[in-house]
Amino acid sequence: MVGNNVSHSKRRTKRKFYPNLQTKKFFIPETGEWVILKVSVNALRTINKNGIASVLSKAIENGNVLV
């Protein structure tokens, strides 16, 4: 996304909003493997809520993961 930096004098300059990406290592108990994923913090919260196996299967089903 793009937006504006607004100074105290209300002068506006363009800026970019980047996603909060983190590199994390996950253990998949079904396969006994470790995987390293670069995920947003929002996705990390989803993984903590639903479990890594559920999130990965849904992502593969939707075509969002390179296998």
Protein backbone atom coordinates (compact mmCIF):
# COMPACT_ATOMS: atom_id res chain seq x y z
CA MET A 1 0.00 0.00 0.00
CA VAL A 2 1.04 3.57 -0.43
CA GLY A 3 0.21 6.61 1.61
CA ASN A 4 1.60 9.84 2.95
CA ASN A 5 4.02 10.81 5.67
CA VAL A 6 2.48 13.89 7.27
CA SER A 7 4.86 16.25 9.06
CA HIS A 8 3.98 18.58 11.91
CA SER A 9 3.51 21.38 9.35
CA LYS A 10 1.09 19.08 7.43
CA ARG A 11 3.49 18.70 4.50
CA ARG A 12 2.83 15.37 2.76
CA THR A 13 5.43 13.10 1.16
CA LYS A 14 4.78 9.68 -0.34
CA ARG A 15 5.64 6.53 1.59
CA LYS A 16 4.99 2.80 1.34
CA PHE A 17 3.40 0.45 3.87
CA TYR A 18 5.09 -2.95 3.88
CA PRO A 19 3.69 -6.17 5.38
CA ASN A 20 5.21 -7.32 8.66
CA LEU A 21 7.03 -10.44 7.36
CA GLN A 22 8.89 -12.80 9.67
CA THR A 23 10.92 -15.91 8.83
CA LYS A 24 9.77 -18.76 11.07
CA LYS A 25 10.55 -22.45 11.39
CA PHE A 26 7.54 -24.76 11.88
CA PHE A 27 7.39 -28.44 12.82
CA ILE A 28 4.75 -30.50 11.01
CA PRO A 29 3.96 -33.48 13.27
CA GLU A 30 2.08 -35.41 10.56
CA THR A 31 5.20 -35.70 8.40
CA GLY A 32 7.84 -35.23 11.10
CA GLU A 33 9.48 -32.41 9.08
CA TRP A 34 10.57 -28.87 9.81
CA VAL A 35 9.69 -26.18 7.25
CA ILE A 36 10.92 -22.60 7.06
CA LEU A 37 8.29 -20.10 5.94
CA LYS A 38 8.30 -16.34 5.52
CA VAL A 39 4.89 -15.35 6.87
CA SER A 40 3.17 -12.17 7.95
CA VAL A 41 2.36 -11.75 11.63
CA ASN A 42 -1.32 -11.98 10.72
CA ALA A 43 -0.66 -15.41 9.14
CA LEU A 44 1.35 -16.40 12.22
CA ARG A 45 -1.69 -15.68 14.40
CA THR A 46 -3.81 -17.84 12.08
CA ILE A 47 -1.27 -20.67 12.30
CA ASN A 48 -1.30 -20.45 16.11
CA LYS A 49 -5.10 -20.56 16.11
CA ASN A 50 -5.77 -23.31 13.52
CA GLY A 51 -2.50 -25.29 13.41
CA ILE A 52 0.19 -25.48 10.74
CA ALA A 53 -1.17 -28.60 9.01
CA SER A 54 -4.62 -27.06 8.54
CA VAL A 55 -3.24 -23.76 7.25
CA LEU A 56 -0.79 -25.46 4.85
CA SER A 57 -3.44 -27.77 3.42
CA LYS A 58 -5.81 -24.84 2.87
CA ALA A 59 -3.02 -22.79 1.23
CA ILE A 60 -2.08 -25.67 -1.10
CA GLU A 61 -5.75 -26.16 -1.94
CA ASN A 62 -6.06 -22.48 -2.91
CA GLY A 63 -2.81 -22.52 -4.90
CA ASN A 64 -0.98 -20.06 -2.63
CA VAL A 65 2.04 -22.28 -1.89
CA LEU A 66 4.89 -23.34 -4.14
CA VAL A 67 5.48 -27.04 -3.57
